[in-house]
């Protein structure tokens, strides 16, 4: 029951679903997800943590960078079925298509420059 509720909680927020789909094709740095969603760093970090705890994304740290990617085929079957459903249902959604366009732009930007405005 706990795993199911964790997944449904993760999928119950539009920003989290957009963040999840942002990493469907490529691993992205947290700063890139922040740029795509247009939300505060703390908010996006919390959203990504919820997705991670639900087993929907993987994360890795490389120096100061935190990278996220979609969970794979070998991961928890419940999370994978949920991912497959989300990917199928939203593949033609206008918001997701616009996010995909934005991701292509953001991926061309230097991570140092992109994240400069988030440092204190």
PDB file of N, CA and C in Angstrom:
ATOM      1  N   UNK A   1       0.826  -1.192   0.000  1.00  0.00           N
ATOM      2  CA  UNK A   1       0.000   0.000   0.000  1.00  0.00           C
ATOM      3  C   UNK A   1       0.878   1.267   0.000  1.00  0.00           C
ATOM      4  N   UNK A   2       1.962   1.245   0.792  1.00  0.00           N
ATOM      5  CA  UNK A   2       2.821   2.427   0.922  1.00  0.00           C
ATOM      6  C   UNK A   2       3.410   2.848  -0.434  1.00  0.00           C
ATOM      7  N   UNK A   3       3.891   1.875  -1.212  1.00  0.00           N
ATOM      8  CA  UNK A   3       4.456   2.169  -2.527  1.00  0.00           C
ATOM      9  C   UNK A   3       3.420   2.760  -3.470  1.00  0.00           C
ATOM     10  N   UNK A   4       2.242   2.197  -3.462  1.00  0.00           N
ATOM     11  CA  UNK A   4       1.151   2.698  -4.307  1.00  0.00           C
ATOM     12  C   UNK A   4       0.825   4.147  -3.959  1.00  0.00           C
ATOM     13  N   UNK A   5       0.688   4.432  -2.680  1.00  0.00           N
ATOM     14  CA  UNK A   5       0.362   5.793  -2.251  1.00  0.00           C
ATOM     15  C   UNK A   5       1.486   6.773  -2.562  1.00  0.00           C
ATOM     16  N   UNK A   6       2.723   6.313  -2.463  1.00  0.00           N
ATOM     17  CA  UNK A   6       3.864   7.156  -2.805  1.00  0.00           C
ATOM     18  C   UNK A   6       3.823   7.538  -4.287  1.00  0.00           C
ATOM     19  N   UNK A   7       3.500   6.583  -5.140  1.00  0.00           N
ATOM     20  CA  UNK A   7       3.409   6.841  -6.579  1.00  0.00           C
ATOM     21  C   UNK A   7       2.239   7.766  -6.889  1.00  0.00           C
ATOM     22  N   UNK A   8       1.084   7.502  -6.304  1.00  0.00           N
ATOM     23  CA  UNK A   8      -0.081   8.348  -6.596  1.00  0.00           C
ATOM     24  C   UNK A   8       0.125   9.770  -6.075  1.00  0.00           C
ATOM     25  N   UNK A   9       0.779   9.910  -4.938  1.00  0.00           N
ATOM     26  CA  UNK A   9       1.093  11.251  -4.435  1.00  0.00           C
ATOM     27  C   UNK A   9       2.013  11.973  -5.414  1.00  0.00           C
ATOM     28  N   UNK A  10       3.017  11.269  -5.892  1.00  0.00           N
ATOM     29  CA  UNK A  10       3.977  11.876  -6.819  1.00  0.00           C
ATOM     30  C   UNK A  10       3.293  12.330  -8.099  1.00  0.00           C
ATOM     31  N   UNK A  11       2.301  11.597  -8.541  1.00  0.00           N
ATOM     32  CA  UNK A  11       1.618  11.917  -9.803  1.00  0.00           C
ATOM     33  C   UNK A  11       0.431  12.855  -9.620  1.00  0.00           C
ATOM     34  N   UNK A  12       0.187  13.300  -8.400  1.00  0.00           N
ATOM     35  CA  UNK A  12      -0.988  14.125  -8.135  1.00  0.00           C
ATOM     36  C   UNK A  12      -0.755  15.628  -8.309  1.00  0.00           C
ATOM     37  N   UNK A  13       0.409  15.999  -8.782  1.00  0.00           N
ATOM     38  CA  UNK A  13       0.744  17.409  -8.934  1.00  0.00           C
ATOM     39  C   UNK A  13       1.224  17.666 -10.366  1.00  0.00           C
ATOM     40  N   UNK A  14       0.660  18.671 -11.014  1.00  0.00           N
ATOM     41  CA  UNK A  14       1.017  18.965 -12.404  1.00  0.00           C
ATOM     42  C   UNK A  14       2.509  19.261 -12.572  1.00  0.00           C
ATOM     43  N   UNK A  15       3.084  20.012 -11.673  1.00  0.00           N
ATOM     44  CA  UNK A  15       4.508  20.341 -11.785  1.00  0.00           C
ATOM     45  C   UNK A  15       5.376  19.093 -11.667  1.00  0.00           C
ATOM     46  N   UNK A  16       4.982  18.172 -10.788  1.00  0.00           N
ATOM     47  CA  UNK A  16       5.756  16.933 -10.660  1.00  0.00           C
ATOM     48  C   UNK A  16       5.640  16.079 -11.920  1.00  0.00           C
ATOM     49  N   UNK A  17       4.459  16.028 -12.499  1.00  0.00           N
ATOM     50  CA  UNK A  17       4.284  15.261 -13.737  1.00  0.00           C
ATOM     51  C   UNK A  17       5.103  15.899 -14.857  1.00  0.00           C
ATOM     52  N   UNK A  18       5.091  17.219 -14.933  1.00  0.00           N
ATOM     53  CA  UNK A  18       5.904  17.901 -15.948  1.00  0.00           C
ATOM     54  C   UNK A  18       7.390  17.624 -15.721  1.00  0.00           C
ATOM     55  N   UNK A  19       7.838  17.647 -14.462  1.00  0.00           N
ATOM     56  CA  UNK A  19       9.244  17.357 -14.153  1.00  0.00           C
ATOM     57  C   UNK A  19       9.586  15.920 -14.524  1.00  0.00           C
ATOM     58  N   UNK A  20       8.678  15.009 -14.223  1.00  0.00           N
ATOM     59  CA  UNK A  20       8.877  13.608 -14.561  1.00  0.00           C
ATOM     60  C   UNK A  20       9.047  13.435 -16.066  1.00  0.00           C
ATOM     61  N   UNK A  21       8.180  14.067 -16.831  1.00  0.00           N
ATOM     62  CA  UNK A  21       8.246  13.936 -18.281  1.00  0.00           C
ATOM     63  C   UNK A  21       9.421  14.715 -18.876  1.00  0.00           C
ATOM     64  N   UNK A  22       9.927  15.689 -18.148  1.00  0.00           N
ATOM     65  CA  UNK A  22      11.102  16.429 -18.620  1.00  0.00           C
ATOM     66  C   UNK A  22      12.317  15.517 -18.725  1.00  0.00           C
ATOM     67  N   UNK A  23      12.386  14.524 -17.861  1.00  0.00           N
ATOM     68  CA  UNK A  23      13.549  13.634 -17.858  1.00  0.00           C
ATOM     69  C   UNK A  23      13.283  12.313 -18.580  1.00  0.00           C
ATOM     70  N   UNK A  24      12.226  12.257 -19.363  1.00  0.00           N
ATOM     71  CA  UNK A  24      11.863  10.998 -20.020  1.00  0.00           C
ATOM     72  C   UNK A  24      12.852  10.579 -21.095  1.00  0.00           C
ATOM     73  N   UNK A  25      13.472  11.526 -21.777  1.00  0.00           N
ATOM     74  CA  UNK A  25      14.380  11.195 -22.879  1.00  0.00           C
ATOM     75  C   UNK A  25      15.848  11.394 -22.548  1.00  0.00           C
ATOM     76  N   UNK A  26      16.131  12.264 -21.578  1.00  0.00           N
ATOM     77  CA  UNK A  26      17.518  12.615 -21.261  1.00  0.00           C
ATOM     78  C   UNK A  26      17.654  12.875 -19.770  1.00  0.00           C
ATOM     79  N   UNK A  27      18.818  12.561 -19.261  1.00  0.00           N
ATOM     80  CA  UNK A  27      19.146  12.955 -17.903  1.00  0.00           C
ATOM     81  C   UNK A  27      19.279  14.473 -17.884  1.00  0.00           C
ATOM     82  N   UNK A  28      18.691  15.116 -16.881  1.00  0.00           N
ATOM     83  CA  UNK A  28      18.788  16.568 -16.749  1.00  0.00           C
ATOM     84  C   UNK A  28      19.299  16.932 -15.371  1.00  0.00           C
ATOM     85  N   UNK A  29      20.035  18.025 -15.328  1.00  0.00           N
ATOM     86  CA  UNK A  29      20.481  18.609 -14.072  1.00  0.00           C
ATOM     87  C   UNK A  29      19.281  19.301 -13.419  1.00  0.00           C
ATOM     88  N   UNK A  30      19.288  19.364 -12.112  1.00  0.00           N
ATOM     89  CA  UNK A  30      18.206  20.036 -11.398  1.00  0.00           C
ATOM     90  C   UNK A  30      18.015  21.462 -11.920  1.00  0.00           C
ATOM     91  N   UNK A  31      19.105  22.165 -12.208  1.00  0.00           N
ATOM     92  CA  UNK A  31      18.988  23.548 -12.689  1.00  0.00           C
ATOM     93  C   UNK A  31      18.258  23.603 -14.035  1.00  0.00           C
ATOM     94  N   UNK A  32      18.403  22.568 -14.851  1.00  0.00           N
ATOM     95  CA  UNK A  32      17.693  22.526 -16.134  1.00  0.00           C
ATOM     96  C   UNK A  32      16.192  22.315 -15.912  1.00  0.00           C
ATOM     97  N   UNK A  33      15.846  21.453 -14.976  1.00  0.00           N
ATOM     98  CA  UNK A  33      14.430  21.225 -14.658  1.00  0.00           C
ATOM     99  C   UNK A  33      13.822  22.503 -14.091  1.00  0.00           C
ATOM    100  N   UNK A  34      14.567  23.202 -13.245  1.00  0.00           N
ATOM    101  CA  UNK A  34      14.107  24.481 -12.692  1.00  0.00           C
ATOM    102  C   UNK A  34      13.792  25.454 -13.817  1.00  0.00           C
ATOM    103  N   UNK A  35      14.675  25.529 -14.785  1.00  0.00           N
ATOM    104  CA  UNK A  35      14.498  26.453 -15.909  1.00  0.00           C
ATOM    105  C   UNK A  35      13.268  26.096 -16.740  1.00  0.00           C
ATOM    106  N   UNK A  36      13.047  24.829 -16.983  1.00  0.00           N
ATOM    107  CA  UNK A  36      11.898  24.388 -17.776  1.00  0.00           C
ATOM    108  C   UNK A  36      10.591  24.684 -17.047  1.00  0.00           C
ATOM    109  N   UNK A  37      10.538  24.386 -15.764  1.00  0.00           N
ATOM    110  CA  UNK A  37       9.298  24.568 -15.010  1.00  0.00           C
ATOM    111  C   UNK A  37       9.044  26.019 -14.622  1.00  0.00           C
ATOM    112  N   UNK A  38      10.113  26.797 -14.500  1.00  0.00           N
ATOM    113  CA  UNK A  38       9.944  28.198 -14.103  1.00  0.00           C
ATOM    114  C   UNK A  38       9.502  28.356 -12.656  1.00  0.00           C
ATOM    115  N   UNK A  39       9.906  27.436 -11.811  1.00  0.00           N
ATOM    116  CA  UNK A  39       9.570  27.488 -10.390  1.00  0.00           C
ATOM    117  C   UNK A  39      10.837  27.719  -9.572  1.00  0.00           C
ATOM    118  N   UNK A  40      10.661  27.989  -8.295  1.00  0.00           N
ATOM    119  CA  UNK A  40      11.820  28.240  -7.436  1.00  0.00           C
ATOM    120  C   UNK A  40      12.651  26.965  -7.276  1.00  0.00           C
ATOM    121  N   UNK A  41      13.964  27.131  -7.064  1.00  0.00           N
ATOM    122  CA  UNK A  41      14.824  25.969  -6.858  1.00  0.00           C
ATOM    123  C   UNK A  41      14.361  25.063  -5.711  1.00  0.00           C
ATOM    124  N   UNK A  42      13.937  25.648  -4.607  1.00  0.00           N
ATOM    125  CA  UNK A  42      13.491  24.839  -3.464  1.00  0.00           C
ATOM    126  C   UNK A  42      12.248  24.024  -3.815  1.00  0.00           C
ATOM    127  N   UNK A  43      11.336  24.614  -4.555  1.00  0.00           N
ATOM    128  CA  UNK A  43      10.110  23.916  -4.948  1.00  0.00           C
ATOM    129  C   UNK A  43      10.426  22.752  -5.878  1.00  0.00           C
ATOM    130  N   UNK A  44      11.258  23.001  -6.875  1.00  0.00           N
ATOM    131  CA  UNK A  44      11.606  21.939  -7.827  1.00  0.00           C
ATOM    132  C   UNK A  44      12.390  20.838  -7.122  1.00  0.00           C
ATOM    133  N   UNK A  45      13.289  21.204  -6.237  1.00  0.00           N
ATOM    134  CA  UNK A  45      14.052  20.209  -5.488  1.00  0.00           C
ATOM    135  C   UNK A  45      13.113  19.306  -4.686  1.00  0.00           C
ATOM    136  N   UNK A  46      12.133  19.894  -4.047  1.00  0.00           N
ATOM    137  CA  UNK A  46      11.160  19.105  -3.271  1.00  0.00           C
ATOM    138  C   UNK A  46      10.360  18.191  -4.197  1.00  0.00           C
ATOM    139  N   UNK A  47       9.911  18.717  -5.333  1.00  0.00           N
ATOM    140  CA  UNK A  47       9.169  17.888  -6.292  1.00  0.00           C
ATOM    141  C   UNK A  47      10.010  16.708  -6.760  1.00  0.00           C
ATOM    142  N   UNK A  48      11.276  16.948  -7.077  1.00  0.00           N
ATOM    143  CA  UNK A  48      12.144  15.874  -7.570  1.00  0.00           C
ATOM    144  C   UNK A  48      12.397  14.836  -6.471  1.00  0.00           C
ATOM    145  N   UNK A  49      12.471  15.283  -5.233  1.00  0.00           N
ATOM    146  CA  UNK A  49      12.656  14.359  -4.120  1.00  0.00           C
ATOM    147  C   UNK A  49      11.441  13.440  -3.961  1.00  0.00           C
ATOM    148  N   UNK A  50      10.252  13.984  -4.139  1.00  0.00           N
ATOM    149  CA  UNK A  50       9.027  13.176  -4.058  1.00  0.00           C
ATOM    150  C   UNK A  50       9.015  12.140  -5.189  1.00  0.00           C
ATOM    151  N   UNK A  51       9.403  12.552  -6.387  1.00  0.00           N
ATOM    152  CA  UNK A  51       9.474  11.616  -7.514  1.00  0.00           C
ATOM    153  C   UNK A  51      10.515  10.527  -7.257  1.00  0.00           C
ATOM    154  N   UNK A  52      11.632  10.916  -6.670  1.00  0.00           N
ATOM    155  CA  UNK A  52      12.695   9.966  -6.338  1.00  0.00           C
ATOM    156  C   UNK A  52      12.212   8.963  -5.292  1.00  0.00           C
ATOM    157  N   UNK A  53      11.583   9.451  -4.244  1.00  0.00           N
ATOM    158  CA  UNK A  53      11.095   8.568  -3.182  1.00  0.00           C
ATOM    159  C   UNK A  53      10.041   7.591  -3.699  1.00  0.00           C
ATOM    160  N   UNK A  54       9.292   7.990  -4.715  1.00  0.00           N
ATOM    161  CA  UNK A  54       8.275   7.112  -5.305  1.00  0.00           C
ATOM    162  C   UNK A  54       8.887   6.089  -6.258  1.00  0.00           C
ATOM    163  N   UNK A  55      10.175   6.224  -6.542  1.00  0.00           N
ATOM    164  CA  UNK A  55      10.841   5.293  -7.441  1.00  0.00           C
ATOM    165  C   UNK A  55      10.610   5.591  -8.908  1.00  0.00           C
ATOM    166  N   UNK A  56      10.138   6.802  -9.215  1.00  0.00           N
ATOM    167  CA  UNK A  56       9.845   7.176 -10.598  1.00  0.00           C
ATOM    168  C   UNK A  56      11.050   7.752 -11.318  1.00  0.00           C
ATOM    169  N   UNK A  57      12.004   8.284 -10.567  1.00  0.00           N
ATOM    170  CA  UNK A  57      13.237   8.809 -11.162  1.00  0.00           C
ATOM    171  C   UNK A  57      14.432   8.316 -10.355  1.00  0.00           C
ATOM    172  N   UNK A  58      15.576   8.336 -11.013  1.00  0.00           N
ATOM    173  CA  UNK A  58      16.858   8.083 -10.356  1.00  0.00           C
ATOM    174  C   UNK A  58      17.586   9.416 -10.276  1.00  0.00           C
ATOM    175  N   UNK A  59      18.443   9.545  -9.282  1.00  0.00           N
ATOM    176  CA  UNK A  59      19.265  10.751  -9.203  1.00  0.00           C
ATOM    177  C   UNK A  59      20.696  10.353  -8.910  1.00  0.00           C
ATOM    178  N   UNK A  60      21.574  11.219  -9.355  1.00  0.00           N
ATOM    179  CA  UNK A  60      22.992  11.033  -9.052  1.00  0.00           C
ATOM    180  C   UNK A  60      23.584  12.411  -8.854  1.00  0.00           C
ATOM    181  N   UNK A  61      24.631  12.440  -8.058  1.00  0.00           N
ATOM    182  CA  UNK A  61      25.334  13.688  -7.805  1.00  0.00           C
ATOM    183  C   UNK A  61      26.690  13.606  -8.481  1.00  0.00           C
ATOM    184  N   UNK A  62      27.042  14.685  -9.145  1.00  0.00           N
ATOM    185  CA  UNK A  62      28.345  14.782  -9.793  1.00  0.00           C
ATOM    186  C   UNK A  62      28.898  16.147  -9.415  1.00  0.00           C
ATOM    187  N   UNK A  63      29.750  16.177  -8.398  1.00  0.00           N
ATOM    188  CA  UNK A  63      30.233  17.452  -7.873  1.00  0.00           C
ATOM    189  C   UNK A  63      29.075  18.220  -7.259  1.00  0.00           C
ATOM    190  N   UNK A  64      28.861  19.422  -7.726  1.00  0.00           N
ATOM    191  CA  UNK A  64      27.762  20.230  -7.191  1.00  0.00           C
ATOM    192  C   UNK A  64      26.448  20.006  -7.930  1.00  0.00           C
ATOM    193  N   UNK A  65      26.484  19.204  -8.982  1.00  0.00           N
ATOM    194  CA  UNK A  65      25.304  18.997  -9.825  1.00  0.00           C
ATOM    195  C   UNK A  65      24.511  17.778  -9.372  1.00  0.00           C
ATOM    196  N   UNK A  66      23.202  17.901  -9.424  1.00  0.00           N
ATOM    197  CA  UNK A  66      22.300  16.780  -9.161  1.00  0.00           C
ATOM    198  C   UNK A  66      21.561  16.485 -10.462  1.00  0.00           C
ATOM    199  N   UNK A  67      21.692  15.245 -10.938  1.00  0.00           N
ATOM    200  CA  UNK A  67      21.097  14.847 -12.203  1.00  0.00           C
ATOM    201  C   UNK A  67      19.970  13.850 -11.968  1.00  0.00           C
ATOM    202  N   UNK A  68      18.945  13.947 -12.812  1.00  0.00           N
ATOM    203  CA  UNK A  68      17.780  13.075 -12.712  1.00  0.00           C
ATOM    204  C   UNK A  68      17.492  12.431 -14.053  1.00  0.00           C
ATOM    205  N   UNK A  69      17.019  11.182 -13.973  1.00  0.00           N
ATOM    206  CA  UNK A  69      16.588  10.466 -15.166  1.00  0.00           C
ATOM    207  C   UNK A  69      15.410   9.578 -14.776  1.00  0.00           C
ATOM    208  N   UNK A  70      14.651   9.194 -15.767  1.00  0.00           N
ATOM    209  CA  UNK A  70      13.490   8.339 -15.550  1.00  0.00           C
ATOM    210  C   UNK A  70      13.929   6.960 -15.070  1.00  0.00           C
ATOM    211  N   UNK A  71      13.133   6.374 -14.198  1.00  0.00           N
ATOM    212  CA  UNK A  71      13.401   5.009 -13.758  1.00  0.00           C
ATOM    213  C   UNK A  71      13.375   4.079 -14.967  1.00  0.00           C
ATOM    214  N   UNK A  72      14.134   3.005 -14.906  1.00  0.00           N
ATOM    215  CA  UNK A  72      14.262   2.102 -16.043  1.00  0.00           C
ATOM    216  C   UNK A  72      13.396   0.866 -15.960  1.00  0.00           C
ATOM    217  N   UNK A  73      13.535   0.052 -16.959  1.00  0.00           N
ATOM    218  CA  UNK A  73      12.755  -1.185 -17.080  1.00  0.00           C
ATOM    219  C   UNK A  73      12.996  -2.152 -15.919  1.00  0.00           C
ATOM    220  N   UNK A  74      14.175  -2.119 -15.335  1.00  0.00           N
ATOM    221  CA  UNK A  74      14.509  -3.071 -14.264  1.00  0.00           C
ATOM    222  C   UNK A  74      14.041  -2.599 -12.896  1.00  0.00           C
ATOM    223  N   UNK A  75      13.427  -1.432 -12.832  1.00  0.00           N
ATOM    224  CA  UNK A  75      12.995  -0.884 -11.546  1.00  0.00           C
ATOM    225  C   UNK A  75      11.649  -1.465 -11.119  1.00  0.00           C
ATOM    226  N   UNK A  76      11.200  -1.051  -9.957  1.00  0.00           N
ATOM    227  CA  UNK A  76       9.940  -1.502  -9.383  1.00  0.00           C
ATOM    228  C   UNK A  76       8.840  -1.557 -10.448  1.00  0.00           C
ATOM    229  N   UNK A  77       8.171  -2.693 -10.531  1.00  0.00           N
ATOM    230  CA  UNK A  77       7.172  -2.877 -11.591  1.00  0.00           C
ATOM    231  C   UNK A  77       5.991  -1.919 -11.445  1.00  0.00           C
ATOM    232  N   UNK A  78       5.609  -1.578 -10.228  1.00  0.00           N
ATOM    233  CA  UNK A  78       4.504  -0.634 -10.037  1.00  0.00           C
ATOM    234  C   UNK A  78       4.880   0.747 -10.565  1.00  0.00           C
ATOM    235  N   UNK A  79       6.080   1.184 -10.233  1.00  0.00           N
ATOM    236  CA  UNK A  79       6.549   2.486 -10.720  1.00  0.00           C
ATOM    237  C   UNK A  79       6.663   2.463 -12.239  1.00  0.00           C
ATOM    238  N   UNK A  80       7.149   1.381 -12.792  1.00  0.00           N
ATOM    239  CA  UNK A  80       7.311   1.291 -14.250  1.00  0.00           C
ATOM    240  C   UNK A  80       5.956   1.307 -14.957  1.00  0.00           C
ATOM    241  N   UNK A  81       4.977   0.594 -14.414  1.00  0.00           N
ATOM    242  CA  UNK A  81       3.628   0.609 -15.016  1.00  0.00           C
ATOM    243  C   UNK A  81       3.021   2.011 -14.936  1.00  0.00           C
ATOM    244  N   UNK A  82       3.233   2.684 -13.826  1.00  0.00           N
ATOM    245  CA  UNK A  82       2.731   4.051 -13.682  1.00  0.00           C
ATOM    246  C   UNK A  82       3.398   4.972 -14.702  1.00  0.00           C
ATOM    247  N   UNK A  83       4.700   4.817 -14.882  1.00  0.00           N
ATOM    248  CA  UNK A  83       5.427   5.625 -15.869  1.00  0.00           C
ATOM    249  C   UNK A  83       4.912   5.373 -17.278  1.00  0.00           C
ATOM    250  N   UNK A  84       4.724   4.107 -17.613  1.00  0.00           N
ATOM    251  CA  UNK A  84       4.220   3.772 -18.943  1.00  0.00           C
ATOM    252  C   UNK A  84       2.857   4.416 -19.186  1.00  0.00           C
ATOM    253  N   UNK A  85       1.995   4.372 -18.174  1.00  0.00           N
ATOM    254  CA  UNK A  85       0.667   4.973 -18.282  1.00  0.00           C
ATOM    255  C   UNK A  85       0.766   6.486 -18.487  1.00  0.00           C
ATOM    256  N   UNK A  86       1.567   7.152 -17.680  1.00  0.00           N
ATOM    257  CA  UNK A  86       1.737   8.607 -17.789  1.00  0.00           C
ATOM    258  C   UNK A  86       2.301   8.978 -19.165  1.00  0.00           C
ATOM    259  N   UNK A  87       3.321   8.280 -19.596  1.00  0.00           N
ATOM    260  CA  UNK A  87       3.935   8.569 -20.898  1.00  0.00           C
ATOM    261  C   UNK A  87       2.927   8.405 -22.027  1.00  0.00           C
ATOM    262  N   UNK A  88       2.114   7.365 -21.963  1.00  0.00           N
ATOM    263  CA  UNK A  88       1.129   7.118 -23.011  1.00  0.00           C
ATOM    264  C   UNK A  88       0.009   8.165 -22.990  1.00  0.00           C
ATOM    265  N   UNK A  89      -0.471   8.480 -21.820  1.00  0.00           N
ATOM    266  CA  UNK A  89      -1.596   9.416 -21.685  1.00  0.00           C
ATOM    267  C   UNK A  89      -1.248  10.848 -22.079  1.00  0.00           C
ATOM    268  N   UNK A  90      -0.020  11.265 -21.835  1.00  0.00           N
ATOM    269  CA  UNK A  90       0.332  12.675 -22.011  1.00  0.00           C
ATOM    270  C   UNK A  90       1.239  12.955 -23.199  1.00  0.00           C
ATOM    271  N   UNK A  91       1.468  11.970 -24.053  1.00  0.00           N
ATOM    272  CA  UNK A  91       2.413  12.168 -25.159  1.00  0.00           C
ATOM    273  C   UNK A  91       1.987  13.271 -26.127  1.00  0.00           C
ATOM    274  N   UNK A  92       0.707  13.580 -26.209  1.00  0.00           N
ATOM    275  CA  UNK A  92       0.242  14.620 -27.126  1.00  0.00           C
ATOM    276  C   UNK A  92      -0.252  15.876 -26.405  1.00  0.00           C
ATOM    277  N   UNK A  93      -0.045  15.947 -25.118  1.00  0.00           N
ATOM    278  CA  UNK A  93      -0.501  17.098 -24.340  1.00  0.00           C
ATOM    279  C   UNK A  93       0.262  18.354 -24.754  1.00  0.00           C
ATOM    280  N   UNK A  94      -0.444  19.475 -24.997  1.00  0.00           N
ATOM    281  CA  UNK A  94       0.224  20.709 -25.435  1.00  0.00           C
ATOM    282  C   UNK A  94       1.267  21.236 -24.444  1.00  0.00           C
ATOM    283  N   UNK A  95       1.010  21.135 -23.171  1.00  0.00           N
ATOM    284  CA  UNK A  95       1.975  21.606 -22.168  1.00  0.00           C
ATOM    285  C   UNK A  95       3.251  20.773 -22.224  1.00  0.00           C
ATOM    286  N   UNK A  96       3.097  19.473 -22.351  1.00  0.00           N
ATOM    287  CA  UNK A  96       4.254  18.579 -22.400  1.00  0.00           C
ATOM    288  C   UNK A  96       5.035  18.814 -23.689  1.00  0.00           C
ATOM    289  N   UNK A  97       4.343  19.056 -24.774  1.00  0.00           N
ATOM    290  CA  UNK A  97       5.038  19.352 -26.038  1.00  0.00           C
ATOM    291  C   UNK A  97       5.826  20.657 -25.941  1.00  0.00           C
ATOM    292  N   UNK A  98       5.243  21.662 -25.305  1.00  0.00           N
ATOM    293  CA  UNK A  98       5.955  22.935 -25.122  1.00  0.00           C
ATOM    294  C   UNK A  98       7.155  22.735 -24.196  1.00  0.00           C
ATOM    295  N   UNK A  99       6.991  21.945 -23.151  1.00  0.00           N
ATOM    296  CA  UNK A  99       8.119  21.638 -22.263  1.00  0.00           C
ATOM    297  C   UNK A  99       9.234  20.948 -23.043  1.00  0.00           C
ATOM    298  N   UNK A 100       8.883  20.041 -23.937  1.00  0.00           N
ATOM    299  CA  UNK A 100       9.888  19.336 -24.742  1.00  0.00           C
ATOM    300  C   UNK A 100      10.670  20.316 -25.615  1.00  0.00           C
ATOM    301  N   UNK A 101       9.976  21.276 -26.180  1.00  0.00           N
ATOM    302  CA  UNK A 101      10.636  22.312 -26.977  1.00  0.00           C
ATOM    303  C   UNK A 101      11.592  23.100 -26.094  1.00  0.00           C
ATOM    304  N   UNK A 102      11.127  23.455 -24.920  1.00  0.00           N
ATOM    305  CA  UNK A 102      11.930  24.239 -23.974  1.00  0.00           C
ATOM    306  C   UNK A 102      13.158  23.445 -23.503  1.00  0.00           C
ATOM    307  N   UNK A 103      12.985  22.154 -23.302  1.00  0.00           N
ATOM    308  CA  UNK A 103      14.094  21.298 -22.863  1.00  0.00           C
ATOM    309  C   UNK A 103      15.212  21.306 -23.900  1.00  0.00           C
ATOM    310  N   UNK A 104      14.850  21.263 -25.175  1.00  0.00           N
ATOM    311  CA  UNK A 104      15.876  21.300 -26.227  1.00  0.00           C
ATOM    312  C   UNK A 104      16.707  22.581 -26.129  1.00  0.00           C
ATOM    313  N   UNK A 105      16.069  23.700 -25.828  1.00  0.00           N
ATOM    314  CA  UNK A 105      16.789  24.968 -25.656  1.00  0.00           C
ATOM    315  C   UNK A 105      17.682  24.930 -24.414  1.00  0.00           C
ATOM    316  N   UNK A 106      17.127  24.463 -23.319  1.00  0.00           N
ATOM    317  CA  UNK A 106      17.833  24.449 -22.036  1.00  0.00           C
ATOM    318  C   UNK A 106      19.046  23.519 -22.085  1.00  0.00           C
ATOM    319  N   UNK A 107      18.940  22.414 -22.795  1.00  0.00           N
ATOM    320  CA  UNK A 107      20.056  21.469 -22.878  1.00  0.00           C
ATOM    321  C   UNK A 107      21.264  22.051 -23.612  1.00  0.00           C
ATOM    322  N   UNK A 108      21.043  23.087 -24.404  1.00  0.00           N
ATOM    323  CA  UNK A 108      22.156  23.726 -25.122  1.00  0.00           C
ATOM    324  C   UNK A 108      22.887  24.742 -24.255  1.00  0.00           C
ATOM    325  N   UNK A 109      22.308  25.112 -23.132  1.00  0.00           N
ATOM    326  CA  UNK A 109      22.910  26.119 -22.261  1.00  0.00           C
ATOM    327  C   UNK A 109      23.965  25.491 -21.351  1.00  0.00           C
ATOM    328  N   UNK A 110      24.964  26.267 -21.037  1.00  0.00           N
ATOM    329  CA  UNK A 110      26.017  25.854 -20.121  1.00  0.00           C
ATOM    330  C   UNK A 110      25.444  25.755 -18.702  1.00  0.00           C
ATOM    331  N   UNK A 111      25.743  24.670 -18.002  1.00  0.00           N
ATOM    332  CA  UNK A 111      25.203  24.483 -16.652  1.00  0.00           C
ATOM    333  C   UNK A 111      25.667  25.563 -15.687  1.00  0.00           C
ATOM    334  N   UNK A 112      26.910  25.993 -15.811  1.00  0.00           N
ATOM    335  CA  UNK A 112      27.421  27.060 -14.926  1.00  0.00           C
ATOM    336  C   UNK A 112      26.610  28.338 -15.106  1.00  0.00           C
ATOM    337  N   UNK A 113      26.385  28.721 -16.352  1.00  0.00           N
ATOM    338  CA  UNK A 113      25.608  29.932 -16.635  1.00  0.00           C
ATOM    339  C   UNK A 113      24.161  29.772 -16.205  1.00  0.00           C
ATOM    340  N   UNK A 114      23.601  28.620 -16.492  1.00  0.00           N
ATOM    341  CA  UNK A 114      22.198  28.364 -16.173  1.00  0.00           C
ATOM    342  C   UNK A 114      21.950  28.420 -14.669  1.00  0.00           C
ATOM    343  N   UNK A 115      22.875  27.903 -13.903  1.00  0.00           N
ATOM    344  CA  UNK A 115      22.669  27.835 -12.455  1.00  0.00           C
ATOM    345  C   UNK A 115      23.162  29.064 -11.704  1.00  0.00           C
ATOM    346  N   UNK A 116      23.816  29.983 -12.380  1.00  0.00           N
ATOM    347  CA  UNK A 116      24.404  31.149 -11.707  1.00  0.00           C
ATOM    348  C   UNK A 116      23.367  31.951 -10.930  1.00  0.00           C
ATOM    349  N   UNK A 117      22.173  32.078 -11.453  1.00  0.00           N
ATOM    350  CA  UNK A 117      21.157  32.899 -10.780  1.00  0.00           C
ATOM    351  C   UNK A 117      20.562  32.208  -9.568  1.00  0.00           C
ATOM    352  N   UNK A 118      20.856  30.921  -9.336  1.00  0.00           N
ATOM    353  CA  UNK A 118      20.303  30.198  -8.206  1.00  0.00           C
ATOM    354  C   UNK A 118      21.231  30.179  -7.005  1.00  0.00           C
ATOM    355  N   UNK A 119      22.455  30.658  -7.197  1.00  0.00           N
ATOM    356  CA  UNK A 119      23.408  30.668  -6.079  1.00  0.00           C
ATOM    357  C   UNK A 119      23.214  31.925  -5.243  1.00  0.00           C
ATOM    358  N   UNK A 120      23.497  31.762  -3.982  1.00  0.00           N
ATOM    359  CA  UNK A 120      23.378  32.934  -3.089  1.00  0.00           C
ATOM    360  C   UNK A 120      24.726  33.550  -2.840  1.00  0.00           C
TER     361      UNK A 120
END
